[in-house]
Amino acid sequence: MAKGLNLKNIKLPGDDELADTAGALFGRLEQIPVDLIDRNPDQPRTAFSDEEIAELADSIREHDLAQPICVRPPLAGRYTLIAGERRLRAFKLLGRPTIPTFVTSARDPEVLALLENIQRVDLTPIELSAALAKLRKRHARLEDLARATGKSISYLSRTLAIQDLPGSILAEFAEHRGKLSQAKLDELVSVKDADLQRAMWEAVKNGDSSLALRAMKRAAPKAGASEAGAPADLVARTMKRVDAMTRDVSTLRGNATALDAGQRAKLKQLHDEVTAMLRELGELG
């Protein structure tokens, strides 16, 4: 068993807030037999490829373990994994009998497991959405969840919306994952009509682009939009805002160097939307 460590002096990789509170969350660092550790039932990731575990094992063999795993205190002689399943699998593959482990009785260790996986593991969209949904049960407001995960509120909203997709779509996610870019997924979850979502999903399966999905969404009948003048009114109102925004952006150019990364990302999103619309209208090559 390893000597107890003062974790206030340890800087864990990953989220700064998680690292800063490590001393409060963990107790002692120990060497735990790998055969006494059971997987975490709350682990959001369910699939691990042999290739990625082998690559991690090679890295551990060459550079050693960069971060200990985390478990709950033993019950009937066995520990339950909180975070670090990939590392545990890699240690087993290497044939190492014990693994450096933090044993914690933190108040809500499931939150720690979900946070670590959201920050460090390439989850599928469904797995990530399910993990965020579990976290939201503990952090009711999106603002709290955003602070806990370091993700933007808009990103969280889009990802959580995956949970509301029809079950027939969710059942086919894994099979067609390679055809589903983030842009296509965003278009899909932005629609509330289940029938339209299914039609757009069929388009995804056929390899249609995100622009094609956006066109489907725009062509769909709008609820309460039966008045003939409604589209023209919408265009007129929107263009008034565009005129004002154009003046504001022109003024902003003189202070462009003060923009942070998030603000620049919003401008890029606006640029992409305008470019896509002009291309659809044939104004761009």
C-alpha atoms as a PDB file:
ATOM      1  CA  MET A   1       0.000   0.000   0.000  1.00  0.00           C
ATOM      2  CA  ALA A   2       1.364   3.413  -0.942  1.00  0.00           C
ATOM      3  CA  LYS A   3       2.016   6.066   1.659  1.00  0.00           C
ATOM      4  CA  GLY A   4      -0.813   8.599   2.043  1.00  0.00           C
ATOM      5  CA  LEU A   5      -0.278  11.778   0.017  1.00  0.00           C
ATOM      6  CA  ASN A   6      -1.274  15.387   0.541  1.00  0.00           C
ATOM      7  CA  LEU A   7      -3.343  15.926  -2.587  1.00  0.00           C
ATOM      8  CA  LYS A   8      -3.298  19.700  -2.217  1.00  0.00           C
ATOM      9  CA  ASN A   9       0.138  19.502  -3.802  1.00  0.00           C
ATOM     10  CA  ILE A  10      -1.004  17.318  -6.703  1.00  0.00           C
ATOM     11  CA  LYS A  11      -2.158  18.858  -9.971  1.00  0.00           C
ATOM     12  CA  LEU A  12      -4.395  16.391 -11.776  1.00  0.00           C
ATOM     13  CA  PRO A  13      -4.749  16.629 -15.570  1.00  0.00           C
ATOM     14  CA  GLY A  14      -8.002  17.922 -16.943  1.00  0.00           C
ATOM     15  CA  ASP A  15     -10.511  20.440 -15.707  1.00  0.00           C
ATOM     16  CA  ASP A  16      -8.934  23.108 -13.468  1.00  0.00           C
ATOM     17  CA  GLU A  17     -11.871  23.243 -11.067  1.00  0.00           C
ATOM     18  CA  LEU A  18     -11.743  19.475 -10.633  1.00  0.00           C
ATOM     19  CA  ALA A  19      -8.001  19.636  -9.988  1.00  0.00           C
ATOM     20  CA  ASP A  20      -8.284  22.494  -7.473  1.00  0.00           C
ATOM     21  CA  THR A  21     -10.755  20.530  -5.344  1.00  0.00           C
ATOM     22  CA  ALA A  22      -8.860  17.223  -5.496  1.00  0.00           C
ATOM     23  CA  GLY A  23      -7.634  17.496  -1.917  1.00  0.00           C
ATOM     24  CA  ALA A  24     -11.198  17.753  -0.666  1.00  0.00           C
ATOM     25  CA  LEU A  25     -12.557  14.958  -2.826  1.00  0.00           C
ATOM     26  CA  PHE A  26      -9.923  12.271  -2.316  1.00  0.00           C
ATOM     27  CA  GLY A  27      -8.323  10.650   0.708  1.00  0.00           C
ATOM     28  CA  ARG A  28      -5.334   8.352   0.257  1.00  0.00           C
ATOM     29  CA  LEU A  29      -3.439   7.062  -2.743  1.00  0.00           C
ATOM     30  CA  GLU A  30      -3.100   3.285  -2.572  1.00  0.00           C
ATOM     31  CA  GLN A  31      -2.014   0.348  -4.707  1.00  0.00           C
ATOM     32  CA  ILE A  32      -5.164  -1.742  -5.196  1.00  0.00           C
ATOM     33  CA  PRO A  33      -5.231  -5.242  -6.768  1.00  0.00           C
ATOM     34  CA  VAL A  34      -6.914  -4.926 -10.174  1.00  0.00           C
ATOM     35  CA  ASP A  35      -8.917  -8.114  -9.576  1.00  0.00           C
ATOM     36  CA  LEU A  36     -10.675  -6.494  -6.590  1.00  0.00           C
ATOM     37  CA  ILE A  37     -12.091  -3.579  -8.598  1.00  0.00           C
ATOM     38  CA  ASP A  38     -15.544  -3.804 -10.205  1.00  0.00           C
ATOM     39  CA  ARG A  39     -16.624  -1.510 -13.074  1.00  0.00           C
ATOM     40  CA  ASN A  40     -18.792   1.515 -12.380  1.00  0.00           C
ATOM     41  CA  PRO A  41     -22.495   0.923 -13.257  1.00  0.00           C
ATOM     42  CA  ASP A  42     -22.841   4.690 -13.798  1.00  0.00           C
ATOM     43  CA  GLN A  43     -20.035   4.761 -16.367  1.00  0.00           C
ATOM     44  CA  PRO A  44     -21.581   6.603 -19.362  1.00  0.00           C
ATOM     45  CA  ARG A  45     -19.318   4.923 -21.882  1.00  0.00           C
ATOM     46  CA  THR A  46     -20.302   1.366 -22.698  1.00  0.00           C
ATOM     47  CA  ALA A  47     -18.012   0.477 -25.619  1.00  0.00           C
ATOM     48  CA  PHE A  48     -14.209   0.271 -25.520  1.00  0.00           C
ATOM     49  CA  SER A  49     -12.281  -0.852 -28.578  1.00  0.00           C
ATOM     50  CA  ASP A  50      -9.422  -3.315 -28.170  1.00  0.00           C
ATOM     51  CA  GLU A  51      -7.260  -0.985 -30.257  1.00  0.00           C
ATOM     52  CA  GLU A  52      -7.641   2.042 -28.009  1.00  0.00           C
ATOM     53  CA  ILE A  53      -6.989  -0.018 -24.861  1.00  0.00           C
ATOM     54  CA  ALA A  54      -3.874  -1.509 -26.493  1.00  0.00           C
ATOM     55  CA  GLU A  55      -2.642   1.993 -27.429  1.00  0.00           C
ATOM     56  CA  LEU A  56      -3.192   3.213 -23.868  1.00  0.00           C
ATOM     57  CA  ALA A  57      -1.379   0.131 -22.522  1.00  0.00           C
ATOM     58  CA  ASP A  58       1.604   0.891 -24.777  1.00  0.00           C
ATOM     59  CA  SER A  59       1.639   4.477 -23.491  1.00  0.00           C
ATOM     60  CA  ILE A  60       1.507   3.321 -19.861  1.00  0.00           C
ATOM     61  CA  ARG A  61       4.275   0.797 -20.510  1.00  0.00           C
ATOM     62  CA  GLU A  62       6.486   3.550 -21.909  1.00  0.00           C
ATOM     63  CA  HIS A  63       5.552   6.543 -19.765  1.00  0.00           C
ATOM     64  CA  ASP A  64       3.852   4.965 -16.723  1.00  0.00           C
ATOM     65  CA  LEU A  65       0.421   5.979 -15.446  1.00  0.00           C
ATOM     66  CA  ALA A  66      -0.191   9.728 -15.644  1.00  0.00           C
ATOM     67  CA  GLN A  67      -3.282   9.746 -13.416  1.00  0.00           C
ATOM     68  CA  PRO A  68      -4.490   7.263 -10.780  1.00  0.00           C
ATOM     69  CA  ILE A  69      -7.941   5.755 -11.063  1.00  0.00           C
ATOM     70  CA  CYS A  70     -10.608   6.440  -8.434  1.00  0.00           C
ATOM     71  CA  VAL A  71     -12.724   3.951  -6.452  1.00  0.00           C
ATOM     72  CA  ARG A  72     -15.218   3.821  -3.609  1.00  0.00           C
ATOM     73  CA  PRO A  73     -14.106   2.331  -0.268  1.00  0.00           C
ATOM     74  CA  PRO A  74     -14.332  -1.464  -0.196  1.00  0.00           C
ATOM     75  CA  LEU A  75     -17.608  -3.247   0.471  1.00  0.00           C
ATOM     76  CA  ALA A  76     -17.324  -6.938   1.294  1.00  0.00           C
ATOM     77  CA  GLY A  77     -13.689  -6.762   0.236  1.00  0.00           C
ATOM     78  CA  ARG A  78     -14.321  -5.312  -3.254  1.00  0.00           C
ATOM     79  CA  TYR A  79     -13.974  -1.781  -4.643  1.00  0.00           C
ATOM     80  CA  THR A  80     -16.293  -0.043  -7.130  1.00  0.00           C
ATOM     81  CA  LEU A  81     -14.665   1.995  -9.860  1.00  0.00           C
ATOM     82  CA  ILE A  82     -15.631   5.681 -10.019  1.00  0.00           C
ATOM     83  CA  ALA A  83     -13.326   6.888 -12.786  1.00  0.00           C
ATOM     84  CA  GLY A  84     -10.604   5.366 -14.950  1.00  0.00           C
ATOM     85  CA  GLU A  85     -12.031   2.255 -16.647  1.00  0.00           C
ATOM     86  CA  ARG A  86      -9.761   2.633 -19.694  1.00  0.00           C
ATOM     87  CA  ARG A  87      -6.711   2.799 -17.432  1.00  0.00           C
ATOM     88  CA  LEU A  88      -7.882  -0.210 -15.427  1.00  0.00           C
ATOM     89  CA  ARG A  89      -8.416  -2.253 -18.601  1.00  0.00           C
ATOM     90  CA  ALA A  90      -4.966  -1.229 -19.836  1.00  0.00           C
ATOM     91  CA  PHE A  91      -3.348  -2.368 -16.570  1.00  0.00           C
ATOM     92  CA  LYS A  92      -5.106  -5.725 -16.849  1.00  0.00           C
ATOM     93  CA  LEU A  93      -3.893  -6.058 -20.436  1.00  0.00           C
ATOM     94  CA  LEU A  94      -0.334  -5.379 -19.259  1.00  0.00           C
ATOM     95  CA  GLY A  95      -0.716  -8.078 -16.610  1.00  0.00           C
ATOM     96  CA  ARG A  96       0.071  -5.699 -13.741  1.00  0.00           C
ATOM     97  CA  PRO A  97      -1.386  -6.985 -10.461  1.00  0.00           C
ATOM     98  CA  THR A  98      -2.041  -3.592  -8.802  1.00  0.00           C
ATOM     99  CA  ILE A  99      -2.864  -0.059  -9.946  1.00  0.00           C
ATOM    100  CA  PRO A 100      -2.366   3.371  -8.262  1.00  0.00           C
ATOM    101  CA  THR A 101      -5.803   4.290  -6.934  1.00  0.00           C
ATOM    102  CA  PHE A 102      -7.508   7.087  -5.047  1.00  0.00           C
ATOM    103  CA  VAL A 103      -9.976   5.664  -2.528  1.00  0.00           C
ATOM    104  CA  THR A 104     -12.640   8.277  -1.891  1.00  0.00           C
ATOM    105  CA  SER A 105     -15.792   8.605   0.152  1.00  0.00           C
ATOM    106  CA  ALA A 106     -16.767  11.807  -1.633  1.00  0.00           C
ATOM    107  CA  ARG A 107     -20.404  12.809  -1.164  1.00  0.00           C
ATOM    108  CA  ASP A 108     -21.330  12.346  -4.834  1.00  0.00           C
ATOM    109  CA  PRO A 109     -18.668  10.254  -6.599  1.00  0.00           C
ATOM    110  CA  GLU A 110     -20.971   9.525  -9.565  1.00  0.00           C
ATOM    111  CA  VAL A 111     -20.736  13.202 -10.507  1.00  0.00           C
ATOM    112  CA  LEU A 112     -16.955  12.899 -10.511  1.00  0.00           C
ATOM    113  CA  ALA A 113     -17.100   9.882 -12.828  1.00  0.00           C
ATOM    114  CA  LEU A 114     -19.445  11.632 -15.248  1.00  0.00           C
ATOM    115  CA  LEU A 115     -17.384  14.821 -15.237  1.00  0.00           C
ATOM    116  CA  GLU A 116     -14.167  12.977 -15.958  1.00  0.00           C
ATOM    117  CA  ASN A 117     -15.658  11.070 -18.870  1.00  0.00           C
ATOM    118  CA  ILE A 118     -17.296  14.136 -20.380  1.00  0.00           C
ATOM    119  CA  GLN A 119     -13.983  15.993 -20.211  1.00  0.00           C
ATOM    120  CA  ARG A 120     -11.603  13.254 -21.305  1.00  0.00           C
ATOM    121  CA  VAL A 121     -13.379  10.501 -23.253  1.00  0.00           C
ATOM    122  CA  ASP A 122     -14.695  10.583 -26.810  1.00  0.00           C
ATOM    123  CA  LEU A 123     -18.221   9.429 -26.043  1.00  0.00           C
ATOM    124  CA  THR A 124     -20.807   8.759 -28.712  1.00  0.00           C
ATOM    125  CA  PRO A 125     -23.490  11.497 -28.950  1.00  0.00           C
ATOM    126  CA  ILE A 126     -26.038   9.268 -27.192  1.00  0.00           C
ATOM    127  CA  GLU A 127     -23.636   8.365 -24.367  1.00  0.00           C
ATOM    128  CA  LEU A 128     -22.645  11.991 -23.884  1.00  0.00           C
ATOM    129  CA  SER A 129     -26.281  13.101 -23.857  1.00  0.00           C
ATOM    130  CA  ALA A 130     -27.171  10.455 -21.287  1.00  0.00           C
ATOM    131  CA  ALA A 131     -24.221  11.462 -19.095  1.00  0.00           C
ATOM    132  CA  LEU A 132     -25.222  15.123 -19.219  1.00  0.00           C
ATOM    133  CA  ALA A 133     -28.830  14.198 -18.409  1.00  0.00           C
ATOM    134  CA  LYS A 134     -27.643  12.377 -15.272  1.00  0.00           C
ATOM    135  CA  LEU A 135     -25.555  15.391 -14.267  1.00  0.00           C
ATOM    136  CA  ARG A 136     -28.491  17.730 -14.815  1.00  0.00           C
ATOM    137  CA  LYS A 137     -30.488  15.816 -12.225  1.00  0.00           C
ATOM    138  CA  ARG A 138     -27.900  17.043  -9.717  1.00  0.00           C
ATOM    139  CA  HIS A 139     -27.428  20.500 -11.278  1.00  0.00           C
ATOM    140  CA  ALA A 140     -30.972  21.576 -12.176  1.00  0.00           C
ATOM    141  CA  ARG A 141     -30.075  24.775 -14.032  1.00  0.00           C
ATOM    142  CA  LEU A 142     -28.172  24.705 -17.308  1.00  0.00           C
ATOM    143  CA  GLU A 143     -25.961  27.490 -15.946  1.00  0.00           C
ATOM    144  CA  ASP A 144     -24.869  25.237 -13.075  1.00  0.00           C
ATOM    145  CA  LEU A 145     -24.270  22.339 -15.444  1.00  0.00           C
ATOM    146  CA  ALA A 146     -22.235  24.615 -17.725  1.00  0.00           C
ATOM    147  CA  ARG A 147     -20.002  25.622 -14.812  1.00  0.00           C
ATOM    148  CA  ALA A 148     -19.649  22.012 -13.689  1.00  0.00           C
ATOM    149  CA  THR A 149     -18.628  20.723 -17.141  1.00  0.00           C
ATOM    150  CA  GLY A 150     -16.920  23.737 -18.719  1.00  0.00           C
ATOM    151  CA  LYS A 151     -19.283  23.475 -21.716  1.00  0.00           C
ATOM    152  CA  SER A 152     -21.370  26.308 -23.182  1.00  0.00           C
ATOM    153  CA  ILE A 153     -25.095  26.459 -22.476  1.00  0.00           C
ATOM    154  CA  SER A 154     -25.926  26.218 -26.194  1.00  0.00           C
ATOM    155  CA  TYR A 155     -23.749  23.112 -26.526  1.00  0.00           C
ATOM    156  CA  LEU A 156     -25.430  21.524 -23.511  1.00  0.00           C
ATOM    157  CA  SER A 157     -28.914  22.333 -24.835  1.00  0.00           C
ATOM    158  CA  ARG A 158     -28.198  20.749 -28.211  1.00  0.00           C
ATOM    159  CA  THR A 159     -26.618  17.672 -26.661  1.00  0.00           C
ATOM    160  CA  LEU A 160     -29.382  17.166 -24.099  1.00  0.00           C
ATOM    161  CA  ALA A 161     -31.950  17.454 -26.901  1.00  0.00           C
ATOM    162  CA  ILE A 162     -30.667  14.152 -28.299  1.00  0.00           C
ATOM    163  CA  GLN A 163     -32.578  12.475 -25.464  1.00  0.00           C
ATOM    164  CA  ASP A 164     -35.827  13.777 -26.993  1.00  0.00           C
ATOM    165  CA  LEU A 165     -35.281  12.248 -30.443  1.00  0.00           C
ATOM    166  CA  PRO A 166     -37.669   9.433 -31.451  1.00  0.00           C
ATOM    167  CA  GLY A 167     -36.608   6.026 -30.208  1.00  0.00           C
ATOM    168  CA  SER A 168     -36.451   4.704 -33.772  1.00  0.00           C
ATOM    169  CA  ILE A 169     -33.695   7.228 -34.536  1.00  0.00           C
ATOM    170  CA  LEU A 170     -31.750   6.556 -31.342  1.00  0.00           C
ATOM    171  CA  ALA A 171     -31.842   2.826 -32.047  1.00  0.00           C
ATOM    172  CA  GLU A 172     -30.037   3.388 -35.368  1.00  0.00           C
ATOM    173  CA  PHE A 173     -27.445   5.911 -34.156  1.00  0.00           C
ATOM    174  CA  ALA A 174     -24.602   3.456 -33.745  1.00  0.00           C
ATOM    175  CA  GLU A 175     -25.125   1.898 -37.181  1.00  0.00           C
ATOM    176  CA  HIS A 176     -25.023   5.244 -39.007  1.00  0.00           C
ATOM    177  CA  ARG A 177     -22.665   7.158 -36.720  1.00  0.00           C
ATOM    178  CA  GLY A 178     -20.138   7.708 -39.514  1.00  0.00           C
ATOM    179  CA  LYS A 179     -22.713   9.645 -41.542  1.00  0.00           C
ATOM    180  CA  LEU A 180     -23.708  11.941 -38.683  1.00  0.00           C
ATOM    181  CA  SER A 181     -21.520  15.047 -38.414  1.00  0.00           C
ATOM    182  CA  GLN A 182     -22.021  17.558 -35.617  1.00  0.00           C
ATOM    183  CA  ALA A 183     -23.636  19.960 -38.102  1.00  0.00           C
ATOM    184  CA  LYS A 184     -26.184  17.335 -39.156  1.00  0.00           C
ATOM    185  CA  LEU A 185     -26.888  16.425 -35.546  1.00  0.00           C
ATOM    186  CA  ASP A 186     -27.487  20.092 -34.693  1.00  0.00           C
ATOM    187  CA  GLU A 187     -30.000  20.379 -37.530  1.00  0.00           C
ATOM    188  CA  LEU A 188     -31.744  17.209 -36.394  1.00  0.00           C
ATOM    189  CA  VAL A 189     -32.190  18.204 -32.742  1.00  0.00           C
ATOM    190  CA  SER A 190     -33.302  21.740 -33.652  1.00  0.00           C
ATOM    191  CA  VAL A 191     -36.558  20.283 -35.016  1.00  0.00           C
ATOM    192  CA  LYS A 192     -39.407  19.522 -32.617  1.00  0.00           C
ATOM    193  CA  ASP A 193     -41.712  17.680 -35.029  1.00  0.00           C
ATOM    194  CA  ALA A 194     -41.088  13.925 -34.761  1.00  0.00           C
ATOM    195  CA  ASP A 195     -42.255  13.180 -38.313  1.00  0.00           C
ATOM    196  CA  LEU A 196     -39.889  15.796 -39.737  1.00  0.00           C
ATOM    197  CA  GLN A 197     -37.071  14.428 -37.580  1.00  0.00           C
ATOM    198  CA  ARG A 198     -37.646  10.956 -39.006  1.00  0.00           C
ATOM    199  CA  ALA A 199     -37.655  12.316 -42.566  1.00  0.00           C
ATOM    200  CA  MET A 200     -34.413  14.203 -41.895  1.00  0.00           C
ATOM    201  CA  TRP A 201     -32.919  11.063 -40.352  1.00  0.00           C
ATOM    202  CA  GLU A 202     -33.665   9.122 -43.517  1.00  0.00           C
ATOM    203  CA  ALA A 203     -31.830  11.878 -45.412  1.00  0.00           C
ATOM    204  CA  VAL A 204     -28.858  11.472 -43.064  1.00  0.00           C
ATOM    205  CA  LYS A 205     -28.814   7.728 -43.740  1.00  0.00           C
ATOM    206  CA  ASN A 206     -28.809   8.491 -47.469  1.00  0.00           C
ATOM    207  CA  GLY A 207     -25.748  10.695 -47.060  1.00  0.00           C
ATOM    208  CA  ASP A 208     -27.429  14.094 -47.513  1.00  0.00           C
ATOM    209  CA  SER A 209     -25.530  17.183 -46.348  1.00  0.00           C
ATOM    210  CA  SER A 210     -26.357  19.445 -43.417  1.00  0.00           C
ATOM    211  CA  LEU A 211     -27.426  22.093 -45.956  1.00  0.00           C
ATOM    212  CA  ALA A 212     -29.936  19.625 -47.381  1.00  0.00           C
ATOM    213  CA  LEU A 213     -31.299  18.988 -43.889  1.00  0.00           C
ATOM    214  CA  ARG A 214     -31.590  22.719 -43.301  1.00  0.00           C
ATOM    215  CA  ALA A 215     -33.508  23.069 -46.561  1.00  0.00           C
ATOM    216  CA  MET A 216     -35.901  20.317 -45.459  1.00  0.00           C
ATOM    217  CA  LYS A 217     -36.471  22.129 -42.198  1.00  0.00           C
ATOM    218  CA  ARG A 218     -37.177  25.435 -43.936  1.00  0.00           C
ATOM    219  CA  ALA A 219     -39.525  23.821 -46.452  1.00  0.00           C
ATOM    220  CA  ALA A 220     -41.622  22.179 -43.734  1.00  0.00           C
ATOM    221  CA  PRO A 221     -44.950  23.882 -42.927  1.00  0.00           C
ATOM    222  CA  LYS A 222     -44.692  26.156 -39.913  1.00  0.00           C
ATOM    223  CA  ALA A 223     -47.304  25.892 -37.182  1.00  0.00           C
ATOM    224  CA  GLY A 224     -49.645  28.857 -37.322  1.00  0.00           C
ATOM    225  CA  ALA A 225     -48.012  30.217 -40.478  1.00  0.00           C
ATOM    226  CA  SER A 226     -51.052  30.020 -42.737  1.00  0.00           C
ATOM    227  CA  GLU A 227     -51.212  33.734 -43.500  1.00  0.00           C
ATOM    228  CA  ALA A 228     -49.954  34.519 -46.987  1.00  0.00           C
ATOM    229  CA  GLY A 229     -48.069  37.603 -45.818  1.00  0.00           C
ATOM    230  CA  ALA A 230     -46.243  35.875 -42.940  1.00  0.00           C
ATOM    231  CA  PRO A 231     -43.015  34.989 -44.836  1.00  0.00           C
ATOM    232  CA  ALA A 232     -42.703  38.517 -46.240  1.00  0.00           C
ATOM    233  CA  ASP A 233     -43.277  40.016 -42.800  1.00  0.00           C
ATOM    234  CA  LEU A 234     -40.627  37.732 -41.343  1.00  0.00           C
ATOM    235  CA  VAL A 235     -38.123  38.740 -44.013  1.00  0.00           C
ATOM    236  CA  ALA A 236     -38.837  42.436 -43.458  1.00  0.00           C
ATOM    237  CA  ARG A 237     -38.414  42.181 -39.687  1.00  0.00           C
ATOM    238  CA  THR A 238     -35.266  40.109 -39.997  1.00  0.00           C
ATOM    239  CA  MET A 239     -33.661  42.464 -42.524  1.00  0.00           C
ATOM    240  CA  LYS A 240     -34.221  45.409 -40.184  1.00  0.00           C
ATOM    241  CA  ARG A 241     -32.211  43.552 -37.568  1.00  0.00           C
ATOM    242  CA  VAL A 242     -29.583  42.672 -40.188  1.00  0.00           C
ATOM    243  CA  ASP A 243     -29.212  46.368 -41.073  1.00  0.00           C
ATOM    244  CA  ALA A 244     -28.651  47.245 -37.423  1.00  0.00           C
ATOM    245  CA  MET A 245     -26.258  44.324 -36.950  1.00  0.00           C
ATOM    246  CA  THR A 246     -24.273  45.351 -40.031  1.00  0.00           C
ATOM    247  CA  ARG A 247     -23.689  48.782 -38.508  1.00  0.00           C
ATOM    248  CA  ASP A 248     -22.714  47.238 -35.176  1.00  0.00           C
ATOM    249  CA  VAL A 249     -20.282  44.785 -36.783  1.00  0.00           C
ATOM    250  CA  SER A 250     -18.720  47.610 -38.786  1.00  0.00           C
ATOM    251  CA  THR A 251     -18.112  49.485 -35.534  1.00  0.00           C
ATOM    252  CA  LEU A 252     -16.810  46.328 -33.873  1.00  0.00           C
ATOM    253  CA  ARG A 253     -14.103  45.895 -36.501  1.00  0.00           C
ATOM    254  CA  GLY A 254     -12.143  48.709 -34.876  1.00  0.00           C
ATOM    255  CA  ASN A 255     -11.916  46.665 -31.666  1.00  0.00           C
ATOM    256  CA  ALA A 256     -11.660  43.182 -33.178  1.00  0.00           C
ATOM    257  CA  THR A 257      -8.462  42.327 -31.283  1.00  0.00           C
ATOM    258  CA  ALA A 258     -10.415  42.504 -28.011  1.00  0.00           C
ATOM    259  CA  LEU A 259     -12.699  39.624 -28.999  1.00  0.00           C
ATOM    260  CA  ASP A 260     -12.254  36.448 -26.964  1.00  0.00           C
ATOM    261  CA  ALA A 261     -12.422  32.933 -28.403  1.00  0.00           C
ATOM    262  CA  GLY A 262     -16.120  32.508 -27.668  1.00  0.00           C
ATOM    263  CA  GLN A 263     -17.051  35.808 -29.300  1.00  0.00           C
ATOM    264  CA  ARG A 264     -14.990  34.973 -32.371  1.00  0.00           C
ATOM    265  CA  ALA A 265     -16.745  31.597 -32.577  1.00  0.00           C
ATOM    266  CA  LYS A 266     -20.141  33.355 -32.606  1.00  0.00           C
ATOM    267  CA  LEU A 267     -18.997  35.625 -35.443  1.00  0.00           C
ATOM    268  CA  LYS A 268     -17.758  32.597 -37.362  1.00  0.00           C
ATOM    269  CA  GLN A 269     -21.135  30.894 -36.865  1.00  0.00           C
ATOM    270  CA  LEU A 270     -22.862  34.002 -38.244  1.00  0.00           C
ATOM    271  CA  HIS A 271     -20.445  34.025 -41.192  1.00  0.00           C
ATOM    272  CA  ASP A 272     -21.143  30.357 -41.914  1.00  0.00           C
ATOM    273  CA  GLU A 273     -24.936  30.881 -41.828  1.00  0.00           C
ATOM    274  CA  VAL A 274     -24.781  33.869 -44.188  1.00  0.00           C
ATOM    275  CA  THR A 275     -22.384  32.065 -46.528  1.00  0.00           C
ATOM    276  CA  ALA A 276     -24.624  28.972 -46.626  1.00  0.00           C
ATOM    277  CA  MET A 277     -27.698  31.076 -47.416  1.00  0.00           C
ATOM    278  CA  LEU A 278     -25.969  33.019 -50.196  1.00  0.00           C
ATOM    279  CA  ARG A 279     -24.649  29.791 -51.678  1.00  0.00           C
ATOM    280  CA  GLU A 280     -28.172  28.332 -51.691  1.00  0.00           C
ATOM    281  CA  LEU A 281     -29.361  31.466 -53.489  1.00  0.00           C
ATOM    282  CA  GLY A 282     -26.646  31.053 -56.108  1.00  0.00           C
ATOM    283  CA  GLU A 283     -24.853  34.247 -55.067  1.00  0.00           C
ATOM    284  CA  LEU A 284     -21.623  32.377 -54.354  1.00  0.00           C
ATOM    285  CA  GLY A 285     -19.731  29.913 -56.526  1.00  0.00           C
END
